[in-house]
Amino acid sequence: NGQPRDVNVIDRSLEPETQAAVQADPDDPKQIGASMPGMVVDVAVRVGHAVSQGDKLLSLEAMKMETTVYAEGEGTVAQVLVYPGSQVAPGDLMIRLE
């Protein structure tokens, strides 16, 4: 009929090949998630370390401000998903305790 039409085509080949970060369950105190977007500066624990309430787990930096993440309870570090220099978004799982 001679009328122009706009068509949007999604090119799935342009999607990132990296997997999205695992999100922490806010109801599980054994999953330590990022409270703000930023960069991990220091990781103070390794897999197998026993931690108690108040122990330093890691440090985050955002906009020249550094924040320390402390353990909320006792446990053993089961998994460390970040390393110094990695970027995190709010809610990203950083450390899992058992």
PDB file of N, CA and C in Angstrom:
ATOM      1  N   ASN A   1       0.803  -1.178   0.000  1.00  0.00           N
ATOM      2  CA  ASN A   1       0.000   0.000   0.000  1.00  0.00           C
ATOM      3  C   ASN A   1       0.866   1.271   0.000  1.00  0.00           C
ATOM      4  N   GLY A   2       2.191   1.138  -0.016  1.00  0.00           N
ATOM      5  CA  GLY A   2       3.063   2.282  -0.127  1.00  0.00           C
ATOM      6  C   GLY A   2       3.320   3.032   1.179  1.00  0.00           C
ATOM      7  N   GLN A   3       2.845   2.537   2.313  1.00  0.00           N
ATOM      8  CA  GLN A   3       3.033   3.215   3.601  1.00  0.00           C
ATOM      9  C   GLN A   3       4.316   2.709   4.272  1.00  0.00           C
ATOM     10  N   PRO A   4       5.177   3.613   4.745  1.00  0.00           N
ATOM     11  CA  PRO A   4       6.398   3.171   5.441  1.00  0.00           C
ATOM     12  C   PRO A   4       6.052   2.616   6.819  1.00  0.00           C
ATOM     13  N   ARG A   5       6.841   1.640   7.237  1.00  0.00           N
ATOM     14  CA  ARG A   5       6.648   1.026   8.552  1.00  0.00           C
ATOM     15  C   ARG A   5       7.992   0.894   9.245  1.00  0.00           C
ATOM     16  N   ASP A   6       8.010   1.107  10.561  1.00  0.00           N
ATOM     17  CA  ASP A   6       9.221   0.917  11.360  1.00  0.00           C
ATOM     18  C   ASP A   6       9.209  -0.489  11.940  1.00  0.00           C
ATOM     19  N   VAL A   7      10.344  -1.159  11.832  1.00  0.00           N
ATOM     20  CA  VAL A   7      10.477  -2.507  12.363  1.00  0.00           C
ATOM     21  C   VAL A   7      11.737  -2.538  13.227  1.00  0.00           C
ATOM     22  N   ASN A   8      11.614  -3.049  14.431  1.00  0.00           N
ATOM     23  CA  ASN A   8      12.762  -3.239  15.313  1.00  0.00           C
ATOM     24  C   ASN A   8      13.164  -4.700  15.279  1.00  0.00           C
ATOM     25  N   VAL A   9      14.428  -4.960  14.971  1.00  0.00           N
ATOM     26  CA  VAL A   9      14.955  -6.316  14.931  1.00  0.00           C
ATOM     27  C   VAL A   9      16.017  -6.434  16.017  1.00  0.00           C
ATOM     28  N   ILE A  10      15.865  -7.400  16.897  1.00  0.00           N
ATOM     29  CA  ILE A  10      16.818  -7.613  17.979  1.00  0.00           C
ATOM     30  C   ILE A  10      17.909  -8.544  17.476  1.00  0.00           C
ATOM     31  N   ASP A  11      19.149  -8.056  17.518  1.00  0.00           N
ATOM     32  CA  ASP A  11      20.300  -8.842  17.080  1.00  0.00           C
ATOM     33  C   ASP A  11      20.873  -9.565  18.288  1.00  0.00           C
ATOM     34  N   ARG A  12      20.532 -10.826  18.451  1.00  0.00           N
ATOM     35  CA  ARG A  12      20.958 -11.596  19.614  1.00  0.00           C
ATOM     36  C   ARG A  12      22.454 -11.901  19.595  1.00  0.00           C
ATOM     37  N   SER A  13      23.117 -11.735  18.464  1.00  0.00           N
ATOM     38  CA  SER A  13      24.553 -11.995  18.407  1.00  0.00           C
ATOM     39  C   SER A  13      25.341 -10.911  19.130  1.00  0.00           C
ATOM     40  N   LEU A  14      24.719  -9.775  19.443  1.00  0.00           N
ATOM     41  CA  LEU A  14      25.393  -8.693  20.139  1.00  0.00           C
ATOM     42  C   LEU A  14      25.272  -8.779  21.652  1.00  0.00           C
ATOM     43  N   GLU A  15      24.568  -9.775  22.167  1.00  0.00           N
ATOM     44  CA  GLU A  15      24.424  -9.934  23.609  1.00  0.00           C
ATOM     45  C   GLU A  15      25.765 -10.318  24.210  1.00  0.00           C
ATOM     46  N   PRO A  16      26.048  -9.851  25.414  1.00  0.00           N
ATOM     47  CA  PRO A  16      27.339 -10.176  26.034  1.00  0.00           C
ATOM     48  C   PRO A  16      27.463 -11.670  26.289  1.00  0.00           C
ATOM     49  N   GLU A  17      28.678 -12.174  26.120  1.00  0.00           N
ATOM     50  CA  GLU A  17      28.914 -13.597  26.324  1.00  0.00           C
ATOM     51  C   GLU A  17      29.222 -13.932  27.775  1.00  0.00           C
ATOM     52  N   THR A  18      29.504 -12.913  28.575  1.00  0.00           N
ATOM     53  CA  THR A  18      29.765 -13.159  29.988  1.00  0.00           C
ATOM     54  C   THR A  18      28.447 -13.381  30.719  1.00  0.00           C
ATOM     55  N   GLN A  19      28.504 -14.220  31.709  1.00  0.00           N
ATOM     56  CA  GLN A  19      27.298 -14.508  32.478  1.00  0.00           C
ATOM     57  C   GLN A  19      27.034 -13.374  33.463  1.00  0.00           C
ATOM     58  N   ALA A  20      25.780 -13.168  33.748  1.00  0.00           N
ATOM     59  CA  ALA A  20      25.406 -12.156  34.740  1.00  0.00           C
ATOM     60  C   ALA A  20      25.867 -12.623  36.116  1.00  0.00           C
ATOM     61  N   ALA A  21      26.171 -11.693  36.974  1.00  0.00           N
ATOM     62  CA  ALA A  21      26.633 -12.029  38.322  1.00  0.00           C
ATOM     63  C   ALA A  21      25.513 -12.699  39.114  1.00  0.00           C
ATOM     64  N   VAL A  22      25.900 -13.601  39.982  1.00  0.00           N
ATOM     65  CA  VAL A  22      24.950 -14.284  40.853  1.00  0.00           C
ATOM     66  C   VAL A  22      24.478 -13.293  41.910  1.00  0.00           C
ATOM     67  N   GLN A  23      23.193 -13.261  42.154  1.00  0.00           N
ATOM     68  CA  GLN A  23      22.617 -12.350  43.145  1.00  0.00           C
ATOM     69  C   GLN A  23      22.514 -13.053  44.494  1.00  0.00           C
ATOM     70  N   ALA A  24      22.807 -12.310  45.557  1.00  0.00           N
ATOM     71  CA  ALA A  24      22.712 -12.840  46.916  1.00  0.00           C
ATOM     72  C   ALA A  24      21.253 -12.854  47.360  1.00  0.00           C
ATOM     73  N   ASP A  25      20.894 -13.863  48.130  1.00  0.00           N
ATOM     74  CA  ASP A  25      19.554 -13.944  48.710  1.00  0.00           C
ATOM     75  C   ASP A  25      19.532 -13.074  49.965  1.00  0.00           C
ATOM     76  N   PRO A  26      18.765 -11.980  49.982  1.00  0.00           N
ATOM     77  CA  PRO A  26      18.773 -11.091  51.145  1.00  0.00           C
ATOM     78  C   PRO A  26      18.226 -11.731  52.417  1.00  0.00           C
ATOM     79  N   ASP A  27      17.502 -12.838  52.291  1.00  0.00           N
ATOM     80  CA  ASP A  27      16.947 -13.515  53.458  1.00  0.00           C
ATOM     81  C   ASP A  27      17.900 -14.547  54.053  1.00  0.00           C
ATOM     82  N   ASP A  28      19.022 -14.811  53.371  1.00  0.00           N
ATOM     83  CA  ASP A  28      19.991 -15.796  53.836  1.00  0.00           C
ATOM     84  C   ASP A  28      21.200 -15.074  54.430  1.00  0.00           C
ATOM     85  N   PRO A  29      21.387 -15.126  55.750  1.00  0.00           N
ATOM     86  CA  PRO A  29      22.516 -14.416  56.359  1.00  0.00           C
ATOM     87  C   PRO A  29      23.876 -15.022  56.009  1.00  0.00           C
ATOM     88  N   LYS A  30      23.899 -16.200  55.409  1.00  0.00           N
ATOM     89  CA  LYS A  30      25.158 -16.842  55.022  1.00  0.00           C
ATOM     90  C   LYS A  30      25.648 -16.366  53.652  1.00  0.00           C
ATOM     91  N   GLN A  31      24.844 -15.573  52.949  1.00  0.00           N
ATOM     92  CA  GLN A  31      25.246 -15.031  51.652  1.00  0.00           C
ATOM     93  C   GLN A  31      25.534 -13.544  51.821  1.00  0.00           C
ATOM     94  N   ILE A  32      26.756 -13.148  51.520  1.00  0.00           N
ATOM     95  CA  ILE A  32      27.175 -11.758  51.680  1.00  0.00           C
ATOM     96  C   ILE A  32      27.101 -11.084  50.316  1.00  0.00           C
ATOM     97  N   GLY A  33      26.203 -10.121  50.191  1.00  0.00           N
ATOM     98  CA  GLY A  33      26.018  -9.405  48.937  1.00  0.00           C
ATOM     99  C   GLY A  33      26.551  -7.988  49.015  1.00  0.00           C
ATOM    100  N   ALA A  34      26.781  -7.402  47.858  1.00  0.00           N
ATOM    101  CA  ALA A  34      27.266  -6.025  47.791  1.00  0.00           C
ATOM    102  C   ALA A  34      26.145  -5.073  48.164  1.00  0.00           C
ATOM    103  N   SER A  35      26.465  -4.116  49.017  1.00  0.00           N
ATOM    104  CA  SER A  35      25.465  -3.141  49.446  1.00  0.00           C
ATOM    105  C   SER A  35      25.418  -1.933  48.522  1.00  0.00           C
ATOM    106  N   MET A  36      26.461  -1.771  47.709  1.00  0.00           N
ATOM    107  CA  MET A  36      26.539  -0.622  46.801  1.00  0.00           C
ATOM    108  C   MET A  36      27.397  -1.003  45.603  1.00  0.00           C
ATOM    109  N   PRO A  37      27.275  -0.282  44.510  1.00  0.00           N
ATOM    110  CA  PRO A  37      28.159  -0.568  43.380  1.00  0.00           C
ATOM    111  C   PRO A  37      29.562  -0.061  43.693  1.00  0.00           C
ATOM    112  N   GLY A  38      30.553  -0.770  43.222  1.00  0.00           N
ATOM    113  CA  GLY A  38      31.917  -0.337  43.474  1.00  0.00           C
ATOM    114  C   GLY A  38      32.932  -1.375  43.040  1.00  0.00           C
ATOM    115  N   MET A  39      34.157  -1.181  43.515  1.00  0.00           N
ATOM    116  CA  MET A  39      35.259  -2.069  43.180  1.00  0.00           C
ATOM    117  C   MET A  39      35.774  -2.714  44.465  1.00  0.00           C
ATOM    118  N   VAL A  40      36.066  -4.001  44.398  1.00  0.00           N
ATOM    119  CA  VAL A  40      36.622  -4.717  45.542  1.00  0.00           C
ATOM    120  C   VAL A  40      38.088  -4.320  45.664  1.00  0.00           C
ATOM    121  N   VAL A  41      38.463  -3.811  46.831  1.00  0.00           N
ATOM    122  CA  VAL A  41      39.835  -3.361  47.065  1.00  0.00           C
ATOM    123  C   VAL A  41      40.665  -4.451  47.726  1.00  0.00           C
ATOM    124  N   ASP A  42      40.066  -5.139  48.708  1.00  0.00           N
ATOM    125  CA  ASP A  42      40.812  -6.114  49.493  1.00  0.00           C
ATOM    126  C   ASP A  42      39.872  -7.231  49.922  1.00  0.00           C
ATOM    127  N   VAL A  43      40.336  -8.473  49.811  1.00  0.00           N
ATOM    128  CA  VAL A  43      39.581  -9.620  50.317  1.00  0.00           C
ATOM    129  C   VAL A  43      40.397 -10.192  51.470  1.00  0.00           C
ATOM    130  N   ALA A  44      39.836 -10.172  52.678  1.00  0.00           N
ATOM    131  CA  ALA A  44      40.572 -10.556  53.875  1.00  0.00           C
ATOM    132  C   ALA A  44      40.428 -12.029  54.243  1.00  0.00           C
ATOM    133  N   VAL A  45      39.580 -12.779  53.547  1.00  0.00           N
ATOM    134  CA  VAL A  45      39.352 -14.189  53.890  1.00  0.00           C
ATOM    135  C   VAL A  45      39.578 -15.074  52.670  1.00  0.00           C
ATOM    136  N   ARG A  46      39.774 -16.334  52.947  1.00  0.00           N
ATOM    137  CA  ARG A  46      39.917 -17.337  51.891  1.00  0.00           C
ATOM    138  C   ARG A  46      38.978 -18.506  52.218  1.00  0.00           C
ATOM    139  N   VAL A  47      38.780 -19.360  51.242  1.00  0.00           N
ATOM    140  CA  VAL A  47      37.922 -20.529  51.444  1.00  0.00           C
ATOM    141  C   VAL A  47      38.484 -21.370  52.584  1.00  0.00           C
ATOM    142  N   GLY A  48      37.621 -21.752  53.506  1.00  0.00           N
ATOM    143  CA  GLY A  48      38.012 -22.575  54.643  1.00  0.00           C
ATOM    144  C   GLY A  48      38.276 -21.794  55.916  1.00  0.00           C
ATOM    145  N   HIS A  49      38.404 -20.468  55.834  1.00  0.00           N
ATOM    146  CA  HIS A  49      38.631 -19.662  57.036  1.00  0.00           C
ATOM    147  C   HIS A  49      37.372 -19.629  57.895  1.00  0.00           C
ATOM    148  N   ALA A  50      37.567 -19.774  59.193  1.00  0.00           N
ATOM    149  CA  ALA A  50      36.462 -19.638  60.138  1.00  0.00           C
ATOM    150  C   ALA A  50      36.347 -18.162  60.512  1.00  0.00           C
ATOM    151  N   VAL A  51      35.140 -17.634  60.447  1.00  0.00           N
ATOM    152  CA  VAL A  51      34.914 -16.234  60.804  1.00  0.00           C
ATOM    153  C   VAL A  51      33.888 -16.167  61.924  1.00  0.00           C
ATOM    154  N   SER A  52      34.011 -15.131  62.735  1.00  0.00           N
ATOM    155  CA  SER A  52      33.021 -14.894  63.784  1.00  0.00           C
ATOM    156  C   SER A  52      32.442 -13.505  63.573  1.00  0.00           C
ATOM    157  N   GLN A  53      31.430 -13.179  64.317  1.00  0.00           N
ATOM    158  CA  GLN A  53      30.735 -11.909  64.153  1.00  0.00           C
ATOM    159  C   GLN A  53      31.711 -10.747  64.317  1.00  0.00           C
ATOM    160  N   GLY A  54      31.692  -9.820  63.353  1.00  0.00           N
ATOM    161  CA  GLY A  54      32.547  -8.646  63.407  1.00  0.00           C
ATOM    162  C   GLY A  54      33.871  -8.777  62.686  1.00  0.00           C
ATOM    163  N   ASP A  55      34.205  -9.972  62.191  1.00  0.00           N
ATOM    164  CA  ASP A  55      35.453 -10.148  61.443  1.00  0.00           C
ATOM    165  C   ASP A  55      35.361  -9.472  60.081  1.00  0.00           C
ATOM    166  N   LYS A  56      36.458  -8.881  59.634  1.00  0.00           N
ATOM    167  CA  LYS A  56      36.509  -8.219  58.332  1.00  0.00           C
ATOM    168  C   LYS A  56      36.520  -9.269  57.226  1.00  0.00           C
ATOM    169  N   LEU A  57      35.620  -9.093  56.243  1.00  0.00           N
ATOM    170  CA  LEU A  57      35.566 -10.000  55.108  1.00  0.00           C
ATOM    171  C   LEU A  57      36.241  -9.396  53.877  1.00  0.00           C
ATOM    172  N   LEU A  58      35.866  -8.150  53.555  1.00  0.00           N
ATOM    173  CA  LEU A  58      36.441  -7.489  52.397  1.00  0.00           C
ATOM    174  C   LEU A  58      36.188  -5.997  52.456  1.00  0.00           C
ATOM    175  N   SER A  59      36.825  -5.266  51.543  1.00  0.00           N
ATOM    176  CA  SER A  59      36.642  -3.815  51.455  1.00  0.00           C
ATOM    177  C   SER A  59      36.183  -3.452  50.055  1.00  0.00           C
ATOM    178  N   LEU A  60      35.225  -2.530  49.981  1.00  0.00           N
ATOM    179  CA  LEU A  60      34.706  -2.003  48.722  1.00  0.00           C
ATOM    180  C   LEU A  60      35.054  -0.527  48.617  1.00  0.00           C
ATOM    181  N   GLU A  61      35.307  -0.081  47.407  1.00  0.00           N
ATOM    182  CA  GLU A  61      35.565   1.336  47.174  1.00  0.00           C
ATOM    183  C   GLU A  61      34.615   1.844  46.107  1.00  0.00           C
ATOM    184  N   ALA A  62      34.006   2.993  46.389  1.00  0.00           N
ATOM    185  CA  ALA A  62      33.120   3.647  45.432  1.00  0.00           C
ATOM    186  C   ALA A  62      33.283   5.150  45.592  1.00  0.00           C
ATOM    187  N   MET A  63      33.589   5.831  44.504  1.00  0.00           N
ATOM    188  CA  MET A  63      33.733   7.284  44.505  1.00  0.00           C
ATOM    189  C   MET A  63      34.709   7.753  45.584  1.00  0.00           C
ATOM    190  N   LYS A  64      35.872   7.095  45.659  1.00  0.00           N
ATOM    191  CA  LYS A  64      36.956   7.447  46.590  1.00  0.00           C
ATOM    192  C   LYS A  64      36.575   7.253  48.054  1.00  0.00           C
ATOM    193  N   MET A  65      35.517   6.490  48.304  1.00  0.00           N
ATOM    194  CA  MET A  65      35.091   6.198  49.663  1.00  0.00           C
ATOM    195  C   MET A  65      35.188   4.687  49.859  1.00  0.00           C
ATOM    196  N   GLU A  66      35.854   4.258  50.917  1.00  0.00           N
ATOM    197  CA  GLU A  66      36.049   2.837  51.158  1.00  0.00           C
ATOM    198  C   GLU A  66      35.120   2.354  52.262  1.00  0.00           C
ATOM    199  N   THR A  67      34.499   1.202  52.026  1.00  0.00           N
ATOM    200  CA  THR A  67      33.584   0.597  52.981  1.00  0.00           C
ATOM    201  C   THR A  67      34.059  -0.817  53.299  1.00  0.00           C
ATOM    202  N   THR A  68      34.065  -1.170  54.544  1.00  0.00           N
ATOM    203  CA  THR A  68      34.469  -2.504  54.963  1.00  0.00           C
ATOM    204  C   THR A  68      33.225  -3.338  55.233  1.00  0.00           C
ATOM    205  N   VAL A  69      33.243  -4.581  54.761  1.00  0.00           N
ATOM    206  CA  VAL A  69      32.133  -5.511  54.986  1.00  0.00           C
ATOM    207  C   VAL A  69      32.571  -6.485  56.071  1.00  0.00           C
ATOM    208  N   TYR A  70      31.772  -6.555  57.125  1.00  0.00           N
ATOM    209  CA  TYR A  70      32.071  -7.426  58.263  1.00  0.00           C
ATOM    210  C   TYR A  70      31.095  -8.599  58.303  1.00  0.00           C
ATOM    211  N   ALA A  71      31.530  -9.688  58.938  1.00  0.00           N
ATOM    212  CA  ALA A  71      30.676 -10.869  59.096  1.00  0.00           C
ATOM    213  C   ALA A  71      29.576 -10.558  60.098  1.00  0.00           C
ATOM    214  N   GLU A  72      28.359 -10.942  59.774  1.00  0.00           N
ATOM    215  CA  GLU A  72      27.225 -10.710  60.665  1.00  0.00           C
ATOM    216  C   GLU A  72      27.044 -11.835  61.668  1.00  0.00           C
ATOM    217  N   GLY A  73      27.699 -12.942  61.430  1.00  0.00           N
ATOM    218  CA  GLY A  73      27.585 -14.081  62.329  1.00  0.00           C
ATOM    219  C   GLY A  73      28.759 -15.012  62.146  1.00  0.00           C
ATOM    220  N   GLU A  74      28.703 -16.158  62.801  1.00  0.00           N
ATOM    221  CA  GLU A  74      29.779 -17.133  62.705  1.00  0.00           C
ATOM    222  C   GLU A  74      29.575 -18.049  61.515  1.00  0.00           C
ATOM    223  N   GLY A  75      30.675 -18.589  61.010  1.00  0.00           N
ATOM    224  CA  GLY A  75      30.610 -19.529  59.904  1.00  0.00           C
ATOM    225  C   GLY A  75      31.982 -19.784  59.326  1.00  0.00           C
ATOM    226  N   THR A  76      31.993 -20.610  58.307  1.00  0.00           N
ATOM    227  CA  THR A  76      33.220 -20.928  57.579  1.00  0.00           C
ATOM    228  C   THR A  76      33.025 -20.481  56.150  1.00  0.00           C
ATOM    229  N   VAL A  77      34.035 -19.865  55.582  1.00  0.00           N
ATOM    230  CA  VAL A  77      33.948 -19.366  54.213  1.00  0.00           C
ATOM    231  C   VAL A  77      33.901 -20.556  53.256  1.00  0.00           C
ATOM    232  N   ALA A  78      32.812 -20.678  52.525  1.00  0.00           N
ATOM    233  CA  ALA A  78      32.638 -21.772  51.573  1.00  0.00           C
ATOM    234  C   ALA A  78      33.039 -21.362  50.163  1.00  0.00           C
ATOM    235  N   GLN A  79      32.825 -20.080  49.836  1.00  0.00           N
ATOM    236  CA  GLN A  79      33.088 -19.640  48.470  1.00  0.00           C
ATOM    237  C   GLN A  79      33.370 -18.135  48.472  1.00  0.00           C
ATOM    238  N   VAL A  80      34.404 -17.741  47.734  1.00  0.00           N
ATOM    239  CA  VAL A  80      34.719 -16.332  47.534  1.00  0.00           C
ATOM    240  C   VAL A  80      34.576 -16.073  46.036  1.00  0.00           C
ATOM    241  N   LEU A  81      33.625 -15.217  45.661  1.00  0.00           N
ATOM    242  CA  LEU A  81      33.311 -15.002  44.256  1.00  0.00           C
ATOM    243  C   LEU A  81      33.943 -13.741  43.672  1.00  0.00           C
ATOM    244  N   VAL A  82      34.645 -12.967  44.477  1.00  0.00           N
ATOM    245  CA  VAL A  82      35.257 -11.724  44.006  1.00  0.00           C
ATOM    246  C   VAL A  82      36.751 -11.735  44.326  1.00  0.00           C
ATOM    247  N   TYR A  83      37.472 -10.832  43.713  1.00  0.00           N
ATOM    248  CA  TYR A  83      38.905 -10.679  43.930  1.00  0.00           C
ATOM    249  C   TYR A  83      39.220  -9.190  43.851  1.00  0.00           C
ATOM    250  N   PRO A  84      40.359  -8.756  44.368  1.00  0.00           N
ATOM    251  CA  PRO A  84      40.689  -7.333  44.299  1.00  0.00           C
ATOM    252  C   PRO A  84      40.684  -6.833  42.851  1.00  0.00           C
ATOM    253  N   GLY A  85      39.966  -5.754  42.628  1.00  0.00           N
ATOM    254  CA  GLY A  85      39.851  -5.187  41.293  1.00  0.00           C
ATOM    255  C   GLY A  85      38.556  -5.522  40.584  1.00  0.00           C
ATOM    256  N   SER A  86      37.786  -6.475  41.101  1.00  0.00           N
ATOM    257  CA  SER A  86      36.530  -6.827  40.435  1.00  0.00           C
ATOM    258  C   SER A  86      35.445  -5.805  40.768  1.00  0.00           C
ATOM    259  N   GLN A  87      34.586  -5.534  39.791  1.00  0.00           N
ATOM    260  CA  GLN A  87      33.483  -4.591  39.942  1.00  0.00           C
ATOM    261  C   GLN A  87      32.245  -5.346  40.409  1.00  0.00           C
ATOM    262  N   VAL A  88      31.501  -4.762  41.329  1.00  0.00           N
ATOM    263  CA  VAL A  88      30.266  -5.370  41.817  1.00  0.00           C
ATOM    264  C   VAL A  88      29.125  -4.363  41.720  1.00  0.00           C
ATOM    265  N   ALA A  89      27.936  -4.887  41.577  1.00  0.00           N
ATOM    266  CA  ALA A  89      26.713  -4.089  41.553  1.00  0.00           C
ATOM    267  C   ALA A  89      25.924  -4.416  42.828  1.00  0.00           C
ATOM    268  N   PRO A  90      24.993  -3.567  43.213  1.00  0.00           N
ATOM    269  CA  PRO A  90      24.215  -3.854  44.424  1.00  0.00           C
ATOM    270  C   PRO A  90      23.517  -5.207  44.337  1.00  0.00           C
ATOM    271  N   GLY A  91      23.690  -6.009  45.372  1.00  0.00           N
ATOM    272  CA  GLY A  91      23.049  -7.316  45.433  1.00  0.00           C
ATOM    273  C   GLY A  91      23.881  -8.459  44.895  1.00  0.00           C
ATOM    274  N   ASP A  92      25.025  -8.172  44.256  1.00  0.00           N
ATOM    275  CA  ASP A  92      25.879  -9.246  43.741  1.00  0.00           C
ATOM    276  C   ASP A  92      26.433 -10.072  44.896  1.00  0.00           C
ATOM    277  N   LEU A  93      26.414 -11.395  44.731  1.00  0.00           N
ATOM    278  CA  LEU A  93      26.948 -12.292  45.750  1.00  0.00           C
ATOM    279  C   LEU A  93      28.467 -12.208  45.734  1.00  0.00           C
ATOM    280  N   MET A  94      29.066 -11.926  46.902  1.00  0.00           N
ATOM    281  CA  MET A  94      30.520 -11.796  46.985  1.00  0.00           C
ATOM    282  C   MET A  94      31.142 -12.963  47.749  1.00  0.00           C
ATOM    283  N   ILE A  95      30.532 -13.336  48.874  1.00  0.00           N
ATOM    284  CA  ILE A  95      31.063 -14.410  49.719  1.00  0.00           C
ATOM    285  C   ILE A  95      29.903 -15.253  50.224  1.00  0.00           C
ATOM    286  N   ARG A  96      30.126 -16.548  50.253  1.00  0.00           N
ATOM    287  CA  ARG A  96      29.121 -17.483  50.790  1.00  0.00           C
ATOM    288  C   ARG A  96      29.726 -18.214  51.977  1.00  0.00           C
ATOM    289  N   LEU A  97      29.020 -18.230  53.080  1.00  0.00           N
ATOM    290  CA  LEU A  97      29.451 -18.933  54.288  1.00  0.00           C
ATOM    291  C   LEU A  97      28.668 -20.227  54.420  1.00  0.00           C
ATOM    292  N   GLU A  98      29.234 -21.158  55.191  1.00  0.00           N
ATOM    293  CA  GLU A  98      28.510 -22.409  55.471  1.00  0.00           C
ATOM    294  C   GLU A  98      28.290 -22.563  56.951  1.00  0.00           C
TER     295      GLU A  98
END
